[in-house]
Amino acid sequence: MKKATKKEIEEIKEIFLTNYPDSVTELNYDNLYQLLISVMLSAQCTDKRVNIITPALFEAYPNPISLANSDIDEVKSYINTCSFFNNKAKNLIKMAQSVIENYDNEIPLERDELVKLAGVGQKTANVVMIEYAQANLMAVDTHVYRVAHRLGLSDTKTAIKCEEELTKKFKTNLALLHQAMVLFGRYHCKAINPICEECIMQNHCRTSKSFKV
């Protein structure tokens, strides 16, 4: 597949920024603690499902202290409609315990510190930093990965490599571009039955093939 030229990359970037000028996450949260939990739960799970789960979860565990001292079976009962809920429940509790022990009960707003928390990988940390601090970072989920490949922005085989490539090519406005690519991939450039008619990226699309992380 022919990769996008520098000129095309700039055109793609401008189209995203123009059409998604105020794009933000669709996860519902009130503070950094809630955002981190929501992003952790969203792995291999839809934002819609997470938003259904979290109100009761946040009411039961409004802060790291309450979550750190929680019963794991009780936590599981709140998130059991979420994929991989057993493992996620363990990580949520461990994350909260670490926040209390190492960060004075405050979620660290630094990527290098976030990734030290249980259940928080590079993508999760980047998403939190992008959403909460508008950090100039790129995060690659299944939507961003698919869009990047269809537009010839990347031909990498992993999400991490794709993240590196997009960061190098776009350089600036990464936070907004990440959010834009997520929304574009979720609602228009879908894995199955993408809406290609009148697509804003019609002139830059390389393939109709479906890609997944």
C-alpha atoms as a PDB file:
ATOM      1  CA  MET A   1       0.000   0.000   0.000  1.00  0.00           C
ATOM      2  CA  LYS A   2       1.348   3.434  -0.957  1.00  0.00           C
ATOM      3  CA  LYS A   3       2.079   5.544   2.093  1.00  0.00           C
ATOM      4  CA  ALA A   4       0.918   9.131   2.445  1.00  0.00           C
ATOM      5  CA  THR A   5       3.332  11.826   1.282  1.00  0.00           C
ATOM      6  CA  LYS A   6       4.319  14.788   3.466  1.00  0.00           C
ATOM      7  CA  LYS A   7       1.830  16.951   1.571  1.00  0.00           C
ATOM      8  CA  GLU A   8      -0.934  14.400   2.085  1.00  0.00           C
ATOM      9  CA  ILE A   9      -0.106  14.072   5.782  1.00  0.00           C
ATOM     10  CA  GLU A  10      -0.516  17.829   6.211  1.00  0.00           C
ATOM     11  CA  GLU A  11      -3.805  17.719   4.289  1.00  0.00           C
ATOM     12  CA  ILE A  12      -5.104  14.830   6.420  1.00  0.00           C
ATOM     13  CA  LYS A  13      -4.059  16.646   9.582  1.00  0.00           C
ATOM     14  CA  GLU A  14      -5.861  19.813   8.511  1.00  0.00           C
ATOM     15  CA  ILE A  15      -9.042  17.909   7.618  1.00  0.00           C
ATOM     16  CA  PHE A  16      -9.149  16.284  11.058  1.00  0.00           C
ATOM     17  CA  LEU A  17      -8.477  19.547  12.892  1.00  0.00           C
ATOM     18  CA  THR A  18     -11.098  21.384  10.846  1.00  0.00           C
ATOM     19  CA  ASN A  19     -13.823  18.775  11.194  1.00  0.00           C
ATOM     20  CA  TYR A  20     -13.161  17.826  14.847  1.00  0.00           C
ATOM     21  CA  PRO A  21     -12.062  21.116  16.451  1.00  0.00           C
ATOM     22  CA  ASP A  22     -13.452  20.368  19.923  1.00  0.00           C
ATOM     23  CA  SER A  23     -13.242  16.590  20.087  1.00  0.00           C
ATOM     24  CA  VAL A  24     -12.943  15.037  23.549  1.00  0.00           C
ATOM     25  CA  THR A  25     -13.428  11.611  25.057  1.00  0.00           C
ATOM     26  CA  GLU A  26     -16.944  10.203  25.283  1.00  0.00           C
ATOM     27  CA  LEU A  27     -16.201   8.749  28.714  1.00  0.00           C
ATOM     28  CA  ASN A  28     -18.076  10.439  31.557  1.00  0.00           C
ATOM     29  CA  TYR A  29     -15.989  11.623  34.507  1.00  0.00           C
ATOM     30  CA  ASP A  30     -15.743  14.448  37.054  1.00  0.00           C
ATOM     31  CA  ASN A  31     -12.104  14.268  38.095  1.00  0.00           C
ATOM     32  CA  LEU A  32      -8.754  12.649  37.324  1.00  0.00           C
ATOM     33  CA  TYR A  33      -9.451   9.642  39.553  1.00  0.00           C
ATOM     34  CA  GLN A  34     -12.686   8.886  37.695  1.00  0.00           C
ATOM     35  CA  LEU A  35     -11.058   9.438  34.307  1.00  0.00           C
ATOM     36  CA  LEU A  36      -8.263   6.987  35.065  1.00  0.00           C
ATOM     37  CA  ILE A  37     -10.730   4.301  36.182  1.00  0.00           C
ATOM     38  CA  SER A  38     -12.894   4.862  33.105  1.00  0.00           C
ATOM     39  CA  VAL A  39      -9.940   4.574  30.733  1.00  0.00           C
ATOM     40  CA  MET A  40      -8.731   1.424  32.512  1.00  0.00           C
ATOM     41  CA  LEU A  41     -12.185  -0.134  32.133  1.00  0.00           C
ATOM     42  CA  SER A  42     -12.457   0.906  28.477  1.00  0.00           C
ATOM     43  CA  ALA A  43      -9.733  -1.511  27.354  1.00  0.00           C
ATOM     44  CA  GLN A  44     -11.462  -4.031  25.053  1.00  0.00           C
ATOM     45  CA  CYS A  45     -14.777  -2.489  26.115  1.00  0.00           C
ATOM     46  CA  THR A  46     -16.924   0.258  24.601  1.00  0.00           C
ATOM     47  CA  ASP A  47     -17.151   3.722  26.125  1.00  0.00           C
ATOM     48  CA  LYS A  48     -20.920   3.315  26.134  1.00  0.00           C
ATOM     49  CA  ARG A  49     -20.679   0.227  28.348  1.00  0.00           C
ATOM     50  CA  VAL A  50     -18.171   1.917  30.655  1.00  0.00           C
ATOM     51  CA  ASN A  51     -20.488   4.899  31.095  1.00  0.00           C
ATOM     52  CA  ILE A  52     -23.261   2.534  32.164  1.00  0.00           C
ATOM     53  CA  ILE A  53     -21.013   0.866  34.741  1.00  0.00           C
ATOM     54  CA  THR A  54     -19.209   3.801  36.334  1.00  0.00           C
ATOM     55  CA  PRO A  55     -21.938   5.866  38.062  1.00  0.00           C
ATOM     56  CA  ALA A  56     -22.628   3.167  40.665  1.00  0.00           C
ATOM     57  CA  LEU A  57     -18.910   2.317  40.891  1.00  0.00           C
ATOM     58  CA  PHE A  58     -17.954   5.938  41.571  1.00  0.00           C
ATOM     59  CA  GLU A  59     -20.713   6.290  44.150  1.00  0.00           C
ATOM     60  CA  ALA A  60     -19.479   3.191  45.990  1.00  0.00           C
ATOM     61  CA  TYR A  61     -15.810   4.169  45.742  1.00  0.00           C
ATOM     62  CA  PRO A  62     -15.594   7.963  45.455  1.00  0.00           C
ATOM     63  CA  ASN A  63     -11.852   8.152  46.105  1.00  0.00           C
ATOM     64  CA  PRO A  64      -8.674   6.030  46.108  1.00  0.00           C
ATOM     65  CA  ILE A  65      -8.959   5.264  49.843  1.00  0.00           C
ATOM     66  CA  SER A  66     -12.389   3.661  49.539  1.00  0.00           C
ATOM     67  CA  LEU A  67     -11.309   1.674  46.482  1.00  0.00           C
ATOM     68  CA  ALA A  68      -8.026   0.580  48.070  1.00  0.00           C
ATOM     69  CA  ASN A  69      -9.911  -0.862  51.051  1.00  0.00           C
ATOM     70  CA  SER A  70     -12.696  -2.451  49.031  1.00  0.00           C
ATOM     71  CA  ASP A  71     -13.665  -6.096  48.762  1.00  0.00           C
ATOM     72  CA  ILE A  72     -12.638  -7.488  45.384  1.00  0.00           C
ATOM     73  CA  ASP A  73     -15.841  -9.477  44.916  1.00  0.00           C
ATOM     74  CA  GLU A  74     -17.849  -6.347  45.551  1.00  0.00           C
ATOM     75  CA  VAL A  75     -15.816  -4.416  42.975  1.00  0.00           C
ATOM     76  CA  LYS A  76     -16.371  -7.241  40.504  1.00  0.00           C
ATOM     77  CA  SER A  77     -20.114  -7.012  41.065  1.00  0.00           C
ATOM     78  CA  TYR A  78     -20.069  -3.406  39.835  1.00  0.00           C
ATOM     79  CA  ILE A  79     -18.048  -4.105  36.693  1.00  0.00           C
ATOM     80  CA  ASN A  80     -19.060  -7.667  35.761  1.00  0.00           C
ATOM     81  CA  THR A  81     -20.631  -6.562  32.473  1.00  0.00           C
ATOM     82  CA  CYS A  82     -17.250  -5.222  31.377  1.00  0.00           C
ATOM     83  CA  SER A  83     -14.782  -7.408  29.487  1.00  0.00           C
ATOM     84  CA  PHE A  84     -12.001  -8.971  31.590  1.00  0.00           C
ATOM     85  CA  PHE A  85     -13.696  -7.715  34.758  1.00  0.00           C
ATOM     86  CA  ASN A  86     -11.853 -10.141  37.061  1.00  0.00           C
ATOM     87  CA  ASN A  87      -8.444  -8.818  36.106  1.00  0.00           C
ATOM     88  CA  LYS A  88      -9.653  -5.225  35.946  1.00  0.00           C
ATOM     89  CA  ALA A  89     -11.073  -5.438  39.482  1.00  0.00           C
ATOM     90  CA  LYS A  90      -7.687  -6.600  40.800  1.00  0.00           C
ATOM     91  CA  ASN A  91      -5.878  -3.820  38.962  1.00  0.00           C
ATOM     92  CA  LEU A  92      -8.292  -1.133  40.135  1.00  0.00           C
ATOM     93  CA  ILE A  93      -7.685  -2.035  43.774  1.00  0.00           C
ATOM     94  CA  LYS A  94      -3.918  -2.329  43.307  1.00  0.00           C
ATOM     95  CA  MET A  95      -3.876   0.989  41.478  1.00  0.00           C
ATOM     96  CA  ALA A  96      -5.696   2.704  44.338  1.00  0.00           C
ATOM     97  CA  GLN A  97      -3.394   1.148  46.932  1.00  0.00           C
ATOM     98  CA  SER A  98      -0.350   2.369  45.022  1.00  0.00           C
ATOM     99  CA  VAL A  99      -1.798   5.882  44.748  1.00  0.00           C
ATOM    100  CA  ILE A 100      -2.175   6.001  48.533  1.00  0.00           C
ATOM    101  CA  GLU A 101       1.219   4.477  49.285  1.00  0.00           C
ATOM    102  CA  ASN A 102       3.296   6.327  46.705  1.00  0.00           C
ATOM    103  CA  TYR A 103       1.442   9.459  45.627  1.00  0.00           C
ATOM    104  CA  ASP A 104      -0.190  10.887  48.765  1.00  0.00           C
ATOM    105  CA  ASN A 105      -3.667   9.863  47.637  1.00  0.00           C
ATOM    106  CA  GLU A 106      -3.402  11.898  44.408  1.00  0.00           C
ATOM    107  CA  ILE A 107      -3.433  10.409  40.908  1.00  0.00           C
ATOM    108  CA  PRO A 108      -0.097  11.404  39.317  1.00  0.00           C
ATOM    109  CA  LEU A 109      -0.499  13.508  36.190  1.00  0.00           C
ATOM    110  CA  GLU A 110       2.741  12.394  34.573  1.00  0.00           C
ATOM    111  CA  ARG A 111       2.938   9.608  32.010  1.00  0.00           C
ATOM    112  CA  ASP A 112       6.067   8.043  33.482  1.00  0.00           C
ATOM    113  CA  GLU A 113       4.365   7.815  36.876  1.00  0.00           C
ATOM    114  CA  LEU A 114       0.991   6.655  35.569  1.00  0.00           C
ATOM    115  CA  VAL A 115       2.520   3.621  33.867  1.00  0.00           C
ATOM    116  CA  LYS A 116       3.861   2.475  37.243  1.00  0.00           C
ATOM    117  CA  LEU A 117       0.284   1.891  38.420  1.00  0.00           C
ATOM    118  CA  ALA A 118      -1.284  -1.560  38.100  1.00  0.00           C
ATOM    119  CA  GLY A 119      -3.303  -1.983  34.923  1.00  0.00           C
ATOM    120  CA  VAL A 120      -1.978   1.223  33.360  1.00  0.00           C
ATOM    121  CA  GLY A 121       0.015   0.710  30.174  1.00  0.00           C
ATOM    122  CA  GLN A 122       1.378   3.314  27.809  1.00  0.00           C
ATOM    123  CA  LYS A 123      -1.853   3.700  25.865  1.00  0.00           C
ATOM    124  CA  THR A 124      -3.962   4.168  29.003  1.00  0.00           C
ATOM    125  CA  ALA A 125      -1.479   6.687  30.402  1.00  0.00           C
ATOM    126  CA  ASN A 126      -1.406   8.599  27.122  1.00  0.00           C
ATOM    127  CA  VAL A 127      -5.198   8.730  26.888  1.00  0.00           C
ATOM    128  CA  VAL A 128      -5.434  10.118  30.430  1.00  0.00           C
ATOM    129  CA  MET A 129      -2.761  12.734  29.705  1.00  0.00           C
ATOM    130  CA  ILE A 130      -4.385  13.674  26.398  1.00  0.00           C
ATOM    131  CA  GLU A 131      -7.845  14.093  27.871  1.00  0.00           C
ATOM    132  CA  TYR A 132      -7.000  15.668  31.220  1.00  0.00           C
ATOM    133  CA  ALA A 133      -3.931  17.736  30.368  1.00  0.00           C
ATOM    134  CA  GLN A 134      -4.222  18.092  26.579  1.00  0.00           C
ATOM    135  CA  ALA A 135      -0.692  16.673  26.439  1.00  0.00           C
ATOM    136  CA  ASN A 136       0.936  16.534  23.011  1.00  0.00           C
ATOM    137  CA  LEU A 137       0.787  12.741  22.910  1.00  0.00           C
ATOM    138  CA  MET A 138      -0.713  10.158  20.573  1.00  0.00           C
ATOM    139  CA  ALA A 139      -2.565   7.066  21.758  1.00  0.00           C
ATOM    140  CA  VAL A 140      -3.495   4.268  19.390  1.00  0.00           C
ATOM    141  CA  ASP A 141      -6.607   2.183  19.986  1.00  0.00           C
ATOM    142  CA  THR A 142      -8.295  -0.049  17.443  1.00  0.00           C
ATOM    143  CA  HIS A 143     -10.002   2.947  15.774  1.00  0.00           C
ATOM    144  CA  VAL A 144      -6.856   5.049  15.417  1.00  0.00           C
ATOM    145  CA  TYR A 145      -4.907   2.015  14.194  1.00  0.00           C
ATOM    146  CA  ARG A 146      -7.499   1.220  11.522  1.00  0.00           C
ATOM    147  CA  VAL A 147      -7.799   4.821  10.323  1.00  0.00           C
ATOM    148  CA  ALA A 148      -4.024   5.289  10.212  1.00  0.00           C
ATOM    149  CA  HIS A 149      -3.618   2.237   7.999  1.00  0.00           C
ATOM    150  CA  ARG A 150      -6.512   3.067   5.701  1.00  0.00           C
ATOM    151  CA  LEU A 151      -5.141   6.561   5.139  1.00  0.00           C
ATOM    152  CA  GLY A 152      -1.604   5.357   4.449  1.00  0.00           C
ATOM    153  CA  LEU A 153      -0.252   7.024   7.581  1.00  0.00           C
ATOM    154  CA  SER A 154       1.167   3.770   8.911  1.00  0.00           C
ATOM    155  CA  ASP A 155       1.886   0.215   7.855  1.00  0.00           C
ATOM    156  CA  THR A 156       3.155  -0.955  11.245  1.00  0.00           C
ATOM    157  CA  LYS A 157       2.061  -4.210  12.849  1.00  0.00           C
ATOM    158  CA  THR A 158       1.606  -3.003  16.430  1.00  0.00           C
ATOM    159  CA  ALA A 159      -0.212  -0.166  18.172  1.00  0.00           C
ATOM    160  CA  ILE A 160       2.989   1.072  19.836  1.00  0.00           C
ATOM    161  CA  LYS A 161       4.829   1.313  16.501  1.00  0.00           C
ATOM    162  CA  CYS A 162       1.817   3.022  14.970  1.00  0.00           C
ATOM    163  CA  GLU A 163       1.839   5.529  17.847  1.00  0.00           C
ATOM    164  CA  GLU A 164       5.514   6.282  17.194  1.00  0.00           C
ATOM    165  CA  GLU A 165       4.896   6.770  13.488  1.00  0.00           C
ATOM    166  CA  LEU A 166       1.898   9.077  13.935  1.00  0.00           C
ATOM    167  CA  THR A 167       3.753  11.115  16.554  1.00  0.00           C
ATOM    168  CA  LYS A 168       6.691  11.597  14.195  1.00  0.00           C
ATOM    169  CA  LYS A 169       4.494  12.499  11.221  1.00  0.00           C
ATOM    170  CA  PHE A 170       1.962  14.804  12.885  1.00  0.00           C
ATOM    171  CA  LYS A 171       4.326  16.357  15.472  1.00  0.00           C
ATOM    172  CA  THR A 172       1.818  18.920  16.818  1.00  0.00           C
ATOM    173  CA  ASN A 173      -1.834  18.932  17.904  1.00  0.00           C
ATOM    174  CA  LEU A 174      -1.497  15.266  18.787  1.00  0.00           C
ATOM    175  CA  ALA A 175      -4.109  15.330  21.555  1.00  0.00           C
ATOM    176  CA  LEU A 176      -6.793  16.724  19.274  1.00  0.00           C
ATOM    177  CA  LEU A 177      -5.762  14.479  16.395  1.00  0.00           C
ATOM    178  CA  HIS A 178      -6.020  11.403  18.627  1.00  0.00           C
ATOM    179  CA  GLN A 179      -9.554  12.322  19.701  1.00  0.00           C
ATOM    180  CA  ALA A 180     -10.517  13.151  16.113  1.00  0.00           C
ATOM    181  CA  MET A 181      -9.244   9.822  14.782  1.00  0.00           C
ATOM    182  CA  VAL A 182     -11.071   7.919  17.512  1.00  0.00           C
ATOM    183  CA  LEU A 183     -14.390   9.570  16.693  1.00  0.00           C
ATOM    184  CA  PHE A 184     -13.852   9.295  12.936  1.00  0.00           C
ATOM    185  CA  GLY A 185     -13.037   5.601  13.249  1.00  0.00           C
ATOM    186  CA  ARG A 186     -15.874   4.899  15.661  1.00  0.00           C
ATOM    187  CA  TYR A 187     -18.664   6.504  13.655  1.00  0.00           C
ATOM    188  CA  HIS A 188     -17.514   6.760  10.044  1.00  0.00           C
ATOM    189  CA  CYS A 189     -14.432   4.714   9.166  1.00  0.00           C
ATOM    190  CA  LYS A 190     -15.827   1.650  10.944  1.00  0.00           C
ATOM    191  CA  ALA A 191     -14.230  -1.798  10.797  1.00  0.00           C
ATOM    192  CA  ILE A 192     -17.351  -3.259   9.205  1.00  0.00           C
ATOM    193  CA  ASN A 193     -19.528  -1.297   6.804  1.00  0.00           C
ATOM    194  CA  PRO A 194     -17.584   1.979   6.868  1.00  0.00           C
ATOM    195  CA  ILE A 195     -19.563   4.984   5.676  1.00  0.00           C
ATOM    196  CA  CYS A 196     -17.548   5.783   2.568  1.00  0.00           C
ATOM    197  CA  GLU A 197     -20.098   7.946   0.752  1.00  0.00           C
ATOM    198  CA  GLU A 198     -19.254  11.626   1.200  1.00  0.00           C
ATOM    199  CA  CYS A 199     -16.374  10.692   3.525  1.00  0.00           C
ATOM    200  CA  ILE A 200     -14.159  13.645   4.468  1.00  0.00           C
ATOM    201  CA  MET A 201     -11.103  11.470   3.790  1.00  0.00           C
ATOM    202  CA  GLN A 202     -12.286  10.034   0.486  1.00  0.00           C
ATOM    203  CA  ASN A 203      -9.353  11.502  -1.444  1.00  0.00           C
ATOM    204  CA  HIS A 204      -6.831  10.010   0.964  1.00  0.00           C
ATOM    205  CA  CYS A 205      -8.247   6.542   1.610  1.00  0.00           C
ATOM    206  CA  ARG A 206      -5.927   3.714   0.542  1.00  0.00           C
ATOM    207  CA  THR A 207      -8.069   0.710   1.251  1.00  0.00           C
ATOM    208  CA  SER A 208     -11.422  -0.590   2.433  1.00  0.00           C
ATOM    209  CA  LYS A 209      -9.712  -3.472   4.199  1.00  0.00           C
ATOM    210  CA  SER A 210     -10.432  -3.910   7.887  1.00  0.00           C
ATOM    211  CA  PHE A 211      -7.567  -3.581  10.375  1.00  0.00           C
ATOM    212  CA  LYS A 212      -7.555  -4.406  14.067  1.00  0.00           C
ATOM    213  CA  VAL A 213      -4.933  -4.040  16.759  1.00  0.00           C
END
